[in-house]
Amino acid sequence: MGEGTCSTPASGGEEGTGTTELPATFQPGQGETAFGVYWGPVTEGDAVAVQGVMAELDARGVTGAGSGEVSCDLGAAETLGVAENTIVVSVSFRTSAEAELFAAAWGGELLGVAELVGYCRD
């Protein structure tokens, strides 16, 4: 998967625009630094929860999301305050500002935002 774009219903801003343009997502390679936005934790084997978040991301035009153990995003578990084997859904961005912008525009419940180093990417 590559970079993507997304938009989401506006929660403020200019009246009549209907959507807020969000930053392009980013798929970090092995050893690359990125900033992730995380949903979870998801109970292991709870495909319904993962599919629900993924469906909402898709409905909002967000590309590049994934799910799995947070341990594949080195440094994220500690920042988020969860165990390394916690199952999460996430989407990544090149900068902290982009991740924070996305998180603010999302308008729903999130686990958090964390800096990460890509692992499990080979």
PDB file of N, CA and C in Angstrom:
ATOM      1  N   MET A   1       0.835  -1.174   0.000  1.00  0.00           N
ATOM      2  CA  MET A   1       0.000   0.000   0.000  1.00  0.00           C
ATOM      3  C   MET A   1       0.884   1.241   0.000  1.00  0.00           C
ATOM      4  N   GLY A   2       0.392   2.289  -0.577  1.00  0.00           N
ATOM      5  CA  GLY A   2       1.138   3.535  -0.629  1.00  0.00           C
ATOM      6  C   GLY A   2       0.472   4.603   0.188  1.00  0.00           C
ATOM      7  N   GLU A   3       0.817   5.830  -0.159  1.00  0.00           N
ATOM      8  CA  GLU A   3       0.212   6.956   0.532  1.00  0.00           C
ATOM      9  C   GLU A   3      -1.202   7.145   0.024  1.00  0.00           C
ATOM     10  N   GLY A   4      -2.028   7.793   0.822  1.00  0.00           N
ATOM     11  CA  GLY A   4      -3.401   8.015   0.412  1.00  0.00           C
ATOM     12  C   GLY A   4      -3.899   9.351   0.897  1.00  0.00           C
ATOM     13  N   THR A   5      -5.106   9.646   0.513  1.00  0.00           N
ATOM     14  CA  THR A   5      -5.740  10.869   0.975  1.00  0.00           C
ATOM     15  C   THR A   5      -7.055  10.507   1.612  1.00  0.00           C
ATOM     16  N   CYS A   6      -7.595  11.435   2.355  1.00  0.00           N
ATOM     17  CA  CYS A   6      -8.863  11.161   2.994  1.00  0.00           C
ATOM     18  C   CYS A   6      -9.564  12.456   3.322  1.00  0.00           C
ATOM     19  N   SER A   7     -10.857  12.359   3.490  1.00  0.00           N
ATOM     20  CA  SER A   7     -11.637  13.497   3.960  1.00  0.00           C
ATOM     21  C   SER A   7     -12.673  12.974   4.920  1.00  0.00           C
ATOM     22  N   THR A   8     -13.158  13.831   5.758  1.00  0.00           N
ATOM     23  CA  THR A   8     -14.125  13.424   6.768  1.00  0.00           C
ATOM     24  C   THR A   8     -15.124  14.548   6.955  1.00  0.00           C
ATOM     25  N   PRO A   9     -16.333  14.244   7.406  1.00  0.00           N
ATOM     26  CA  PRO A   9     -17.301  15.311   7.631  1.00  0.00           C
ATOM     27  C   PRO A   9     -16.726  16.386   8.550  1.00  0.00           C
ATOM     28  N   ALA A  10     -16.988  17.605   8.196  1.00  0.00           N
ATOM     29  CA  ALA A  10     -16.468  18.716   8.982  1.00  0.00           C
ATOM     30  C   ALA A  10     -17.161  18.803  10.325  1.00  0.00           C
ATOM     31  N   SER A  11     -16.387  19.130  11.353  1.00  0.00           N
ATOM     32  CA  SER A  11     -16.965  19.326  12.678  1.00  0.00           C
ATOM     33  C   SER A  11     -16.905  20.785  13.059  1.00  0.00           C
ATOM     34  N   GLY A  12     -16.607  21.603  12.116  1.00  0.00           N
ATOM     35  CA  GLY A  12     -16.496  23.041  12.335  1.00  0.00           C
ATOM     36  C   GLY A  12     -15.896  23.648  11.095  1.00  0.00           C
ATOM     37  N   GLY A  13     -15.318  24.806  11.208  1.00  0.00           N
ATOM     38  CA  GLY A  13     -14.676  25.412  10.054  1.00  0.00           C
ATOM     39  C   GLY A  13     -15.680  26.143   9.190  1.00  0.00           C
ATOM     40  N   GLU A  14     -15.369  26.215   7.896  1.00  0.00           N
ATOM     41  CA  GLU A  14     -16.204  26.963   6.975  1.00  0.00           C
ATOM     42  C   GLU A  14     -17.569  26.318   6.808  1.00  0.00           C
ATOM     43  N   GLU A  15     -18.578  27.134   6.911  1.00  0.00           N
ATOM     44  CA  GLU A  15     -19.942  26.651   6.757  1.00  0.00           C
ATOM     45  C   GLU A  15     -20.185  26.294   5.303  1.00  0.00           C
ATOM     46  N   GLY A  16     -20.821  25.152   5.074  1.00  0.00           N
ATOM     47  CA  GLY A  16     -21.188  24.757   3.725  1.00  0.00           C
ATOM     48  C   GLY A  16     -20.153  23.928   3.000  1.00  0.00           C
ATOM     49  N   THR A  17     -18.958  23.731   3.565  1.00  0.00           N
ATOM     50  CA  THR A  17     -17.951  22.940   2.863  1.00  0.00           C
ATOM     51  C   THR A  17     -18.245  21.456   2.981  1.00  0.00           C
ATOM     52  N   GLY A  18     -18.752  21.005   4.120  1.00  0.00           N
ATOM     53  CA  GLY A  18     -19.153  19.610   4.282  1.00  0.00           C
ATOM     54  C   GLY A  18     -18.040  18.655   4.634  1.00  0.00           C
ATOM     55  N   THR A  19     -16.795  18.923   4.225  1.00  0.00           N
ATOM     56  CA  THR A  19     -15.706  18.015   4.561  1.00  0.00           C
ATOM     57  C   THR A  19     -14.470  18.800   4.950  1.00  0.00           C
ATOM     58  N   THR A  20     -13.607  18.144   5.692  1.00  0.00           N
ATOM     59  CA  THR A  20     -12.316  18.696   6.060  1.00  0.00           C
ATOM     60  C   THR A  20     -11.274  17.859   5.348  1.00  0.00           C
ATOM     61  N   GLU A  21     -10.416  18.491   4.570  1.00  0.00           N
ATOM     62  CA  GLU A  21      -9.363  17.758   3.870  1.00  0.00           C
ATOM     63  C   GLU A  21      -8.324  17.317   4.896  1.00  0.00           C
ATOM     64  N   LEU A  22      -8.000  16.054   4.866  1.00  0.00           N
ATOM     65  CA  LEU A  22      -7.057  15.491   5.818  1.00  0.00           C
ATOM     66  C   LEU A  22      -5.730  15.199   5.139  1.00  0.00           C
ATOM     67  N   PRO A  23      -4.666  15.100   5.914  1.00  0.00           N
ATOM     68  CA  PRO A  23      -3.350  14.825   5.331  1.00  0.00           C
ATOM     69  C   PRO A  23      -3.277  13.432   4.721  1.00  0.00           C
ATOM     70  N   ALA A  24      -2.355  13.275   3.802  1.00  0.00           N
ATOM     71  CA  ALA A  24      -2.127  11.979   3.161  1.00  0.00           C
ATOM     72  C   ALA A  24      -1.576  10.985   4.174  1.00  0.00           C
ATOM     73  N   THR A  25      -2.080   9.773   4.129  1.00  0.00           N
ATOM     74  CA  THR A  25      -1.543   8.716   4.986  1.00  0.00           C
ATOM     75  C   THR A  25      -0.186   8.292   4.447  1.00  0.00           C
ATOM     76  N   PHE A  26       0.549   7.560   5.257  1.00  0.00           N
ATOM     77  CA  PHE A  26       1.918   7.163   4.932  1.00  0.00           C
ATOM     78  C   PHE A  26       2.139   5.742   5.410  1.00  0.00           C
ATOM     79  N   GLN A  27       2.725   4.911   4.581  1.00  0.00           N
ATOM     80  CA  GLN A  27       3.045   3.538   4.950  1.00  0.00           C
ATOM     81  C   GLN A  27       4.539   3.438   5.240  1.00  0.00           C
ATOM     82  N   PRO A  28       4.935   3.505   6.521  1.00  0.00           N
ATOM     83  CA  PRO A  28       6.365   3.457   6.839  1.00  0.00           C
ATOM     84  C   PRO A  28       6.961   2.095   6.516  1.00  0.00           C
ATOM     85  N   GLY A  29       8.165   2.119   5.972  1.00  0.00           N
ATOM     86  CA  GLY A  29       8.892   0.891   5.720  1.00  0.00           C
ATOM     87  C   GLY A  29       9.655   0.459   6.961  1.00  0.00           C
ATOM     88  N   GLN A  30      10.346  -0.662   6.841  1.00  0.00           N
ATOM     89  CA  GLN A  30      11.148  -1.180   7.945  1.00  0.00           C
ATOM     90  C   GLN A  30      12.144  -0.117   8.404  1.00  0.00           C
ATOM     91  N   GLY A  31      12.097   0.252   9.688  1.00  0.00           N
ATOM     92  CA  GLY A  31      13.023   1.202  10.265  1.00  0.00           C
ATOM     93  C   GLY A  31      12.677   2.670  10.045  1.00  0.00           C
ATOM     94  N   GLU A  32      11.593   2.958   9.331  1.00  0.00           N
ATOM     95  CA  GLU A  32      11.201   4.351   9.098  1.00  0.00           C
ATOM     96  C   GLU A  32      10.365   4.890  10.256  1.00  0.00           C
ATOM     97  N   THR A  33      10.560   6.152  10.569  1.00  0.00           N
ATOM     98  CA  THR A  33       9.793   6.812  11.622  1.00  0.00           C
ATOM     99  C   THR A  33       8.514   7.392  11.030  1.00  0.00           C
ATOM    100  N   ALA A  34       7.431   7.272  11.773  1.00  0.00           N
ATOM    101  CA  ALA A  34       6.132   7.826  11.378  1.00  0.00           C
ATOM    102  C   ALA A  34       5.358   8.135  12.651  1.00  0.00           C
ATOM    103  N   PHE A  35       4.142   8.620  12.482  1.00  0.00           N
ATOM    104  CA  PHE A  35       3.270   8.950  13.610  1.00  0.00           C
ATOM    105  C   PHE A  35       1.935   8.280  13.355  1.00  0.00           C
ATOM    106  N   GLY A  36       1.524   7.409  14.268  1.00  0.00           N
ATOM    107  CA  GLY A  36       0.308   6.639  14.089  1.00  0.00           C
ATOM    108  C   GLY A  36      -0.851   7.162  14.910  1.00  0.00           C
ATOM    109  N   VAL A  37      -2.036   6.988  14.348  1.00  0.00           N
ATOM    110  CA  VAL A  37      -3.289   7.229  15.063  1.00  0.00           C
ATOM    111  C   VAL A  37      -3.878   5.842  15.296  1.00  0.00           C
ATOM    112  N   TYR A  38      -4.252   5.541  16.542  1.00  0.00           N
ATOM    113  CA  TYR A  38      -4.631   4.185  16.938  1.00  0.00           C
ATOM    114  C   TYR A  38      -6.039   4.102  17.509  1.00  0.00           C
ATOM    115  N   TRP A  39      -6.723   3.011  17.140  1.00  0.00           N
ATOM    116  CA  TRP A  39      -8.018   2.641  17.718  1.00  0.00           C
ATOM    117  C   TRP A  39      -7.813   1.316  18.426  1.00  0.00           C
ATOM    118  N   GLY A  40      -8.463   1.116  19.554  1.00  0.00           N
ATOM    119  CA  GLY A  40      -8.339  -0.141  20.265  1.00  0.00           C
ATOM    120  C   GLY A  40      -8.379   0.121  21.762  1.00  0.00           C
ATOM    121  N   PRO A  41      -7.912  -0.801  22.564  1.00  0.00           N
ATOM    122  CA  PRO A  41      -7.432  -2.099  22.113  1.00  0.00           C
ATOM    123  C   PRO A  41      -8.574  -2.998  21.655  1.00  0.00           C
ATOM    124  N   VAL A  42      -8.246  -3.874  20.738  1.00  0.00           N
ATOM    125  CA  VAL A  42      -9.209  -4.832  20.207  1.00  0.00           C
ATOM    126  C   VAL A  42      -8.917  -6.176  20.851  1.00  0.00           C
ATOM    127  N   THR A  43      -9.950  -6.839  21.367  1.00  0.00           N
ATOM    128  CA  THR A  43      -9.775  -8.166  21.939  1.00  0.00           C
ATOM    129  C   THR A  43      -9.322  -9.104  20.825  1.00  0.00           C
ATOM    130  N   GLU A  44      -8.280  -9.899  21.101  1.00  0.00           N
ATOM    131  CA  GLU A  44      -7.752 -10.808  20.083  1.00  0.00           C
ATOM    132  C   GLU A  44      -8.873 -11.659  19.505  1.00  0.00           C
ATOM    133  N   GLY A  45      -8.918 -11.721  18.205  1.00  0.00           N
ATOM    134  CA  GLY A  45      -9.924 -12.516  17.517  1.00  0.00           C
ATOM    135  C   GLY A  45     -11.242 -11.795  17.302  1.00  0.00           C
ATOM    136  N   ASP A  46     -11.337 -10.533  17.734  1.00  0.00           N
ATOM    137  CA  ASP A  46     -12.578  -9.781  17.575  1.00  0.00           C
ATOM    138  C   ASP A  46     -12.612  -9.125  16.201  1.00  0.00           C
ATOM    139  N   ALA A  47     -12.855  -9.943  15.179  1.00  0.00           N
ATOM    140  CA  ALA A  47     -12.875  -9.455  13.805  1.00  0.00           C
ATOM    141  C   ALA A  47     -13.954  -8.402  13.599  1.00  0.00           C
ATOM    142  N   VAL A  48     -15.045  -8.479  14.333  1.00  0.00           N
ATOM    143  CA  VAL A  48     -16.140  -7.517  14.180  1.00  0.00           C
ATOM    144  C   VAL A  48     -15.671  -6.106  14.534  1.00  0.00           C
ATOM    145  N   ALA A  49     -14.922  -5.961  15.635  1.00  0.00           N
ATOM    146  CA  ALA A  49     -14.428  -4.643  16.041  1.00  0.00           C
ATOM    147  C   ALA A  49     -13.453  -4.091  15.008  1.00  0.00           C
ATOM    148  N   VAL A  50     -12.533  -4.918  14.542  1.00  0.00           N
ATOM    149  CA  VAL A  50     -11.568  -4.494  13.529  1.00  0.00           C
ATOM    150  C   VAL A  50     -12.295  -4.099  12.254  1.00  0.00           C
ATOM    151  N   GLN A  51     -13.211  -4.937  11.800  1.00  0.00           N
ATOM    152  CA  GLN A  51     -13.948  -4.652  10.571  1.00  0.00           C
ATOM    153  C   GLN A  51     -14.778  -3.386  10.694  1.00  0.00           C
ATOM    154  N   GLY A  52     -15.331  -3.128  11.886  1.00  0.00           N
ATOM    155  CA  GLY A  52     -16.119  -1.921  12.099  1.00  0.00           C
ATOM    156  C   GLY A  52     -15.291  -0.664  11.929  1.00  0.00           C
ATOM    157  N   VAL A  53     -14.108  -0.633  12.552  1.00  0.00           N
ATOM    158  CA  VAL A  53     -13.229   0.528  12.426  1.00  0.00           C
ATOM    159  C   VAL A  53     -12.745   0.656  10.985  1.00  0.00           C
ATOM    160  N   MET A  54     -12.339  -0.458  10.384  1.00  0.00           N
ATOM    161  CA  MET A  54     -11.853  -0.420   9.004  1.00  0.00           C
ATOM    162  C   MET A  54     -12.948   0.059   8.048  1.00  0.00           C
ATOM    163  N   ALA A  55     -14.184  -0.370   8.279  1.00  0.00           N
ATOM    164  CA  ALA A  55     -15.303   0.058   7.435  1.00  0.00           C
ATOM    165  C   ALA A  55     -15.551   1.557   7.583  1.00  0.00           C
ATOM    166  N   GLU A  56     -15.452   2.067   8.814  1.00  0.00           N
ATOM    167  CA  GLU A  56     -15.645   3.506   9.020  1.00  0.00           C
ATOM    168  C   GLU A  56     -14.526   4.305   8.358  1.00  0.00           C
ATOM    169  N   LEU A  57     -13.294   3.833   8.462  1.00  0.00           N
ATOM    170  CA  LEU A  57     -12.183   4.496   7.793  1.00  0.00           C
ATOM    171  C   LEU A  57     -12.412   4.508   6.279  1.00  0.00           C
ATOM    172  N   ASP A  58     -12.806   3.372   5.742  1.00  0.00           N
ATOM    173  CA  ASP A  58     -13.076   3.270   4.307  1.00  0.00           C
ATOM    174  C   ASP A  58     -14.199   4.218   3.892  1.00  0.00           C
ATOM    175  N   ALA A  59     -15.265   4.261   4.686  1.00  0.00           N
ATOM    176  CA  ALA A  59     -16.403   5.132   4.384  1.00  0.00           C
ATOM    177  C   ALA A  59     -15.990   6.604   4.375  1.00  0.00           C
ATOM    178  N   ARG A  60     -14.988   6.949   5.164  1.00  0.00           N
ATOM    179  CA  ARG A  60     -14.508   8.331   5.208  1.00  0.00           C
ATOM    180  C   ARG A  60     -13.399   8.596   4.190  1.00  0.00           C
ATOM    181  N   GLY A  61     -13.086   7.599   3.375  1.00  0.00           N
ATOM    182  CA  GLY A  61     -12.079   7.777   2.339  1.00  0.00           C
ATOM    183  C   GLY A  61     -10.652   7.644   2.799  1.00  0.00           C
ATOM    184  N   VAL A  62     -10.437   7.053   3.972  1.00  0.00           N
ATOM    185  CA  VAL A  62      -9.088   6.897   4.512  1.00  0.00           C
ATOM    186  C   VAL A  62      -8.471   5.625   3.945  1.00  0.00           C
ATOM    187  N   THR A  63      -7.297   5.753   3.352  1.00  0.00           N
ATOM    188  CA  THR A  63      -6.587   4.599   2.817  1.00  0.00           C
ATOM    189  C   THR A  63      -5.348   4.328   3.657  1.00  0.00           C
ATOM    190  N   GLY A  64      -4.821   3.114   3.558  1.00  0.00           N
ATOM    191  CA  GLY A  64      -3.579   2.787   4.241  1.00  0.00           C
ATOM    192  C   GLY A  64      -3.714   2.323   5.674  1.00  0.00           C
ATOM    193  N   ALA A  65      -4.925   2.088   6.162  1.00  0.00           N
ATOM    194  CA  ALA A  65      -5.109   1.609   7.534  1.00  0.00           C
ATOM    195  C   ALA A  65      -4.778   0.130   7.627  1.00  0.00           C
ATOM    196  N   GLY A  66      -4.431  -0.306   8.825  1.00  0.00           N
ATOM    197  CA  GLY A  66      -4.144  -1.706   9.045  1.00  0.00           C
ATOM    198  C   GLY A  66      -4.458  -2.095  10.475  1.00  0.00           C
ATOM    199  N   SER A  67      -4.387  -3.400  10.745  1.00  0.00           N
ATOM    200  CA  SER A  67      -4.624  -3.885  12.101  1.00  0.00           C
ATOM    201  C   SER A  67      -3.606  -4.963  12.432  1.00  0.00           C
ATOM    202  N   GLY A  68      -3.332  -5.105  13.723  1.00  0.00           N
ATOM    203  CA  GLY A  68      -2.396  -6.110  14.187  1.00  0.00           C
ATOM    204  C   GLY A  68      -1.835  -5.722  15.537  1.00  0.00           C
ATOM    205  N   GLU A  69      -0.809  -6.459  15.972  1.00  0.00           N
ATOM    206  CA  GLU A  69      -0.191  -6.172  17.263  1.00  0.00           C
ATOM    207  C   GLU A  69       0.572  -4.859  17.193  1.00  0.00           C
ATOM    208  N   VAL A  70       0.404  -4.044  18.218  1.00  0.00           N
ATOM    209  CA  VAL A  70       1.067  -2.749  18.278  1.00  0.00           C
ATOM    210  C   VAL A  70       2.592  -2.912  18.337  1.00  0.00           C
ATOM    211  N   SER A  71       3.082  -4.086  18.656  1.00  0.00           N
ATOM    212  CA  SER A  71       4.525  -4.319  18.718  1.00  0.00           C
ATOM    213  C   SER A  71       5.207  -4.108  17.372  1.00  0.00           C
ATOM    214  N   CYS A  72       4.454  -4.151  16.271  1.00  0.00           N
ATOM    215  CA  CYS A  72       5.029  -3.904  14.951  1.00  0.00           C
ATOM    216  C   CYS A  72       5.269  -2.418  14.694  1.00  0.00           C
ATOM    217  N   ASP A  73       4.828  -1.581  15.602  1.00  0.00           N
ATOM    218  CA  ASP A  73       5.099  -0.146  15.568  1.00  0.00           C
ATOM    219  C   ASP A  73       5.941   0.164  16.794  1.00  0.00           C
ATOM    220  N   LEU A  74       7.259   0.012  16.667  1.00  0.00           N
ATOM    221  CA  LEU A  74       8.151   0.154  17.816  1.00  0.00           C
ATOM    222  C   LEU A  74       7.979   1.512  18.486  1.00  0.00           C
ATOM    223  N   GLY A  75       7.812   1.480  19.807  1.00  0.00           N
ATOM    224  CA  GLY A  75       7.675   2.683  20.608  1.00  0.00           C
ATOM    225  C   GLY A  75       6.236   3.085  20.875  1.00  0.00           C
ATOM    226  N   ALA A  76       5.300   2.589  20.081  1.00  0.00           N
ATOM    227  CA  ALA A  76       3.905   3.007  20.230  1.00  0.00           C
ATOM    228  C   ALA A  76       3.263   2.441  21.497  1.00  0.00           C
ATOM    229  N   ALA A  77       3.530   1.188  21.830  1.00  0.00           N
ATOM    230  CA  ALA A  77       2.883   0.573  23.000  1.00  0.00           C
ATOM    231  C   ALA A  77       3.183   1.365  24.265  1.00  0.00           C
ATOM    232  N   GLU A  78       4.432   1.744  24.440  1.00  0.00           N
ATOM    233  CA  GLU A  78       4.825   2.501  25.636  1.00  0.00           C
ATOM    234  C   GLU A  78       4.100   3.849  25.684  1.00  0.00           C
ATOM    235  N   THR A  79       4.070   4.557  24.563  1.00  0.00           N
ATOM    236  CA  THR A  79       3.399   5.861  24.511  1.00  0.00           C
ATOM    237  C   THR A  79       1.909   5.723  24.783  1.00  0.00           C
ATOM    238  N   LEU A  80       1.295   4.680  24.233  1.00  0.00           N
ATOM    239  CA  LEU A  80      -0.149   4.478  24.382  1.00  0.00           C
ATOM    240  C   LEU A  80      -0.523   3.846  25.717  1.00  0.00           C
ATOM    241  N   GLY A  81       0.459   3.297  26.430  1.00  0.00           N
ATOM    242  CA  GLY A  81       0.199   2.676  27.722  1.00  0.00           C
ATOM    243  C   GLY A  81      -0.483   1.327  27.625  1.00  0.00           C
ATOM    244  N   VAL A  82      -0.132   0.559  26.579  1.00  0.00           N
ATOM    245  CA  VAL A  82      -0.721  -0.768  26.387  1.00  0.00           C
ATOM    246  C   VAL A  82       0.389  -1.811  26.261  1.00  0.00           C
ATOM    247  N   ALA A  83       0.030  -3.070  26.413  1.00  0.00           N
ATOM    248  CA  ALA A  83       0.981  -4.168  26.259  1.00  0.00           C
ATOM    249  C   ALA A  83       1.388  -4.313  24.789  1.00  0.00           C
ATOM    250  N   GLU A  84       2.591  -4.808  24.565  1.00  0.00           N
ATOM    251  CA  GLU A  84       3.122  -5.000  23.204  1.00  0.00           C
ATOM    252  C   GLU A  84       2.239  -5.885  22.334  1.00  0.00           C
ATOM    253  N   ASN A  85       1.530  -6.839  22.941  1.00  0.00           N
ATOM    254  CA  ASN A  85       0.715  -7.771  22.157  1.00  0.00           C
ATOM    255  C   ASN A  85      -0.726  -7.278  21.961  1.00  0.00           C
ATOM    256  N   THR A  86      -0.996  -6.029  22.302  1.00  0.00           N
ATOM    257  CA  THR A  86      -2.335  -5.457  22.132  1.00  0.00           C
ATOM    258  C   THR A  86      -2.660  -5.319  20.650  1.00  0.00           C
ATOM    259  N   ILE A  87      -3.841  -5.761  20.263  1.00  0.00           N
ATOM    260  CA  ILE A  87      -4.304  -5.633  18.883  1.00  0.00           C
ATOM    261  C   ILE A  87      -4.933  -4.252  18.712  1.00  0.00           C
ATOM    262  N   VAL A  88      -4.496  -3.550  17.658  1.00  0.00           N
ATOM    263  CA  VAL A  88      -4.996  -2.209  17.375  1.00  0.00           C
ATOM    264  C   VAL A  88      -5.296  -2.075  15.884  1.00  0.00           C
ATOM    265  N   VAL A  89      -6.037  -1.049  15.555  1.00  0.00           N
ATOM    266  CA  VAL A  89      -6.193  -0.587  14.180  1.00  0.00           C
ATOM    267  C   VAL A  89      -5.459   0.735  14.127  1.00  0.00           C
ATOM    268  N   SER A  90      -4.729   0.978  13.048  1.00  0.00           N
ATOM    269  CA  SER A  90      -3.963   2.223  12.977  1.00  0.00           C
ATOM    270  C   SER A  90      -3.851   2.744  11.556  1.00  0.00           C
ATOM    271  N   VAL A  91      -3.518   4.010  11.482  1.00  0.00           N
ATOM    272  CA  VAL A  91      -3.180   4.667  10.226  1.00  0.00           C
ATOM    273  C   VAL A  91      -2.011   5.589  10.546  1.00  0.00           C
ATOM    274  N   SER A  92      -1.041   5.675   9.631  1.00  0.00           N
ATOM    275  CA  SER A  92       0.186   6.422   9.904  1.00  0.00           C
ATOM    276  C   SER A  92       0.325   7.648   9.014  1.00  0.00           C
ATOM    277  N   PHE A  93       1.103   8.602   9.536  1.00  0.00           N
ATOM    278  CA  PHE A  93       1.372   9.858   8.850  1.00  0.00           C
ATOM    279  C   PHE A  93       2.853  10.180   8.967  1.00  0.00           C
ATOM    280  N   ARG A  94       3.355  11.027   8.077  1.00  0.00           N
ATOM    281  CA  ARG A  94       4.774  11.403   8.073  1.00  0.00           C
ATOM    282  C   ARG A  94       5.158  12.272   9.276  1.00  0.00           C
ATOM    283  N   THR A  95       4.235  13.124   9.725  1.00  0.00           N
ATOM    284  CA  THR A  95       4.583  14.064  10.791  1.00  0.00           C
ATOM    285  C   THR A  95       3.589  13.985  11.945  1.00  0.00           C
ATOM    286  N   SER A  96       4.052  14.446  13.094  1.00  0.00           N
ATOM    287  CA  SER A  96       3.190  14.515  14.265  1.00  0.00           C
ATOM    288  C   SER A  96       2.019  15.459  14.011  1.00  0.00           C
ATOM    289  N   ALA A  97       2.283  16.583  13.348  1.00  0.00           N
ATOM    290  CA  ALA A  97       1.229  17.556  13.061  1.00  0.00           C
ATOM    291  C   ALA A  97       0.123  16.935  12.206  1.00  0.00           C
ATOM    292  N   GLU A  98       0.492  16.126  11.219  1.00  0.00           N
ATOM    293  CA  GLU A  98      -0.506  15.463  10.370  1.00  0.00           C
ATOM    294  C   GLU A  98      -1.338  14.475  11.172  1.00  0.00           C
ATOM    295  N   ALA A  99      -0.680  13.695  12.038  1.00  0.00           N
ATOM    296  CA  ALA A  99      -1.400  12.722  12.861  1.00  0.00           C
ATOM    297  C   ALA A  99      -2.349  13.426  13.826  1.00  0.00           C
ATOM    298  N   GLU A 100      -1.896  14.511  14.433  1.00  0.00           N
ATOM    299  CA  GLU A 100      -2.741  15.255  15.371  1.00  0.00           C
ATOM    300  C   GLU A 100      -3.919  15.907  14.647  1.00  0.00           C
ATOM    301  N   LEU A 101      -3.699  16.421  13.431  1.00  0.00           N
ATOM    302  CA  LEU A 101      -4.775  17.000  12.635  1.00  0.00           C
ATOM    303  C   LEU A 101      -5.833  15.947  12.323  1.00  0.00           C
ATOM    304  N   PHE A 102      -5.382  14.770  11.908  1.00  0.00           N
ATOM    305  CA  PHE A 102      -6.307  13.686  11.615  1.00  0.00           C
ATOM    306  C   PHE A 102      -7.093  13.299  12.860  1.00  0.00           C
ATOM    307  N   ALA A 103      -6.397  13.126  13.985  1.00  0.00           N
ATOM    308  CA  ALA A 103      -7.055  12.717  15.231  1.00  0.00           C
ATOM    309  C   ALA A 103      -8.113  13.737  15.652  1.00  0.00           C
ATOM    310  N   ALA A 104      -7.803  15.010  15.530  1.00  0.00           N
ATOM    311  CA  ALA A 104      -8.753  16.056  15.904  1.00  0.00           C
ATOM    312  C   ALA A 104      -9.967  16.061  14.984  1.00  0.00           C
ATOM    313  N   ALA A 105      -9.744  15.830  13.700  1.00  0.00           N
ATOM    314  CA  ALA A 105     -10.843  15.838  12.731  1.00  0.00           C
ATOM    315  C   ALA A 105     -11.688  14.563  12.786  1.00  0.00           C
ATOM    316  N   TRP A 106     -11.118  13.485  13.316  1.00  0.00           N
ATOM    317  CA  TRP A 106     -11.830  12.208  13.351  1.00  0.00           C
ATOM    318  C   TRP A 106     -13.144  12.327  14.110  1.00  0.00           C
ATOM    319  N   GLY A 107     -13.089  12.957  15.269  1.00  0.00           N
ATOM    320  CA  GLY A 107     -14.307  13.200  16.031  1.00  0.00           C
ATOM    321  C   GLY A 107     -14.837  12.010  16.795  1.00  0.00           C
ATOM    322  N   GLY A 108     -14.187  10.879  16.733  1.00  0.00           N
ATOM    323  CA  GLY A 108     -14.627   9.691  17.456  1.00  0.00           C
ATOM    324  C   GLY A 108     -13.599   9.278  18.486  1.00  0.00           C
ATOM    325  N   GLU A 109     -13.883   8.179  19.145  1.00  0.00           N
ATOM    326  CA  GLU A 109     -13.000   7.672  20.188  1.00  0.00           C
ATOM    327  C   GLU A 109     -11.739   7.062  19.582  1.00  0.00           C
ATOM    328  N   LEU A 110     -10.590   7.440  20.131  1.00  0.00           N
ATOM    329  CA  LEU A 110      -9.293   6.921  19.706  1.00  0.00           C
ATOM    330  C   LEU A 110      -8.518   6.414  20.907  1.00  0.00           C
ATOM    331  N   LEU A 111      -7.609   5.483  20.679  1.00  0.00           N
ATOM    332  CA  LEU A 111      -6.683   5.057  21.722  1.00  0.00           C
ATOM    333  C   LEU A 111      -5.617   6.130  21.918  1.00  0.00           C
ATOM    334  N   GLY A 112      -5.155   6.726  20.824  1.00  0.00           N
ATOM    335  CA  GLY A 112      -4.177   7.800  20.933  1.00  0.00           C
ATOM    336  C   GLY A 112      -3.342   7.968  19.685  1.00  0.00           C
ATOM    337  N   VAL A 113      -2.355   8.849  19.799  1.00  0.00           N
ATOM    338  CA  VAL A 113      -1.405   9.151  18.741  1.00  0.00           C
ATOM    339  C   VAL A 113      -0.011   8.865  19.291  1.00  0.00           C
ATOM    340  N   ALA A 114       0.838   8.232  18.497  1.00  0.00           N
ATOM    341  CA  ALA A 114       2.188   7.900  18.991  1.00  0.00           C
ATOM    342  C   ALA A 114       3.197   7.905  17.865  1.00  0.00           C
ATOM    343  N   GLU A 115       4.405   8.322  18.199  1.00  0.00           N
ATOM    344  CA  GLU A 115       5.529   8.188  17.265  1.00  0.00           C
ATOM    345  C   GLU A 115       5.909   6.714  17.217  1.00  0.00           C
ATOM    346  N   LEU A 116       6.304   6.255  16.047  1.00  0.00           N
ATOM    347  CA  LEU A 116       6.648   4.837  15.882  1.00  0.00           C
ATOM    348  C   LEU A 116       7.816   4.676  14.932  1.00  0.00           C
ATOM    349  N   VAL A 117       8.457   3.527  15.030  1.00  0.00           N
ATOM    350  CA  VAL A 117       9.435   3.093  14.049  1.00  0.00           C
ATOM    351  C   VAL A 117       8.889   1.817  13.449  1.00  0.00           C
ATOM    352  N   GLY A 118       8.769   1.792  12.136  1.00  0.00           N
ATOM    353  CA  GLY A 118       8.194   0.630  11.455  1.00  0.00           C
ATOM    354  C   GLY A 118       9.005  -0.639  11.676  1.00  0.00           C
ATOM    355  N   TYR A 119       8.306  -1.695  12.025  1.00  0.00           N
ATOM    356  CA  TYR A 119       8.896  -3.003  12.268  1.00  0.00           C
ATOM    357  C   TYR A 119       7.915  -4.017  11.692  1.00  0.00           C
ATOM    358  N   CYS A 120       8.312  -5.256  11.493  1.00  0.00           N
ATOM    359  CA  CYS A 120       7.449  -6.294  10.908  1.00  0.00           C
ATOM    360  C   CYS A 120       7.032  -5.894   9.487  1.00  0.00           C
ATOM    361  N   ARG A 121       7.868  -5.139   8.778  1.00  0.00           N
ATOM    362  CA  ARG A 121       7.489  -4.639   7.462  1.00  0.00           C
ATOM    363  C   ARG A 121       8.075  -5.454   6.311  1.00  0.00           C
ATOM    364  N   ASP A 122       9.001  -6.385   6.618  1.00  0.00           N
ATOM    365  CA  ASP A 122       9.630  -7.175   5.544  1.00  0.00           C
ATOM    366  C   ASP A 122       8.712  -8.223   4.997  1.00  0.00           C
TER     367      ASP A 122
END
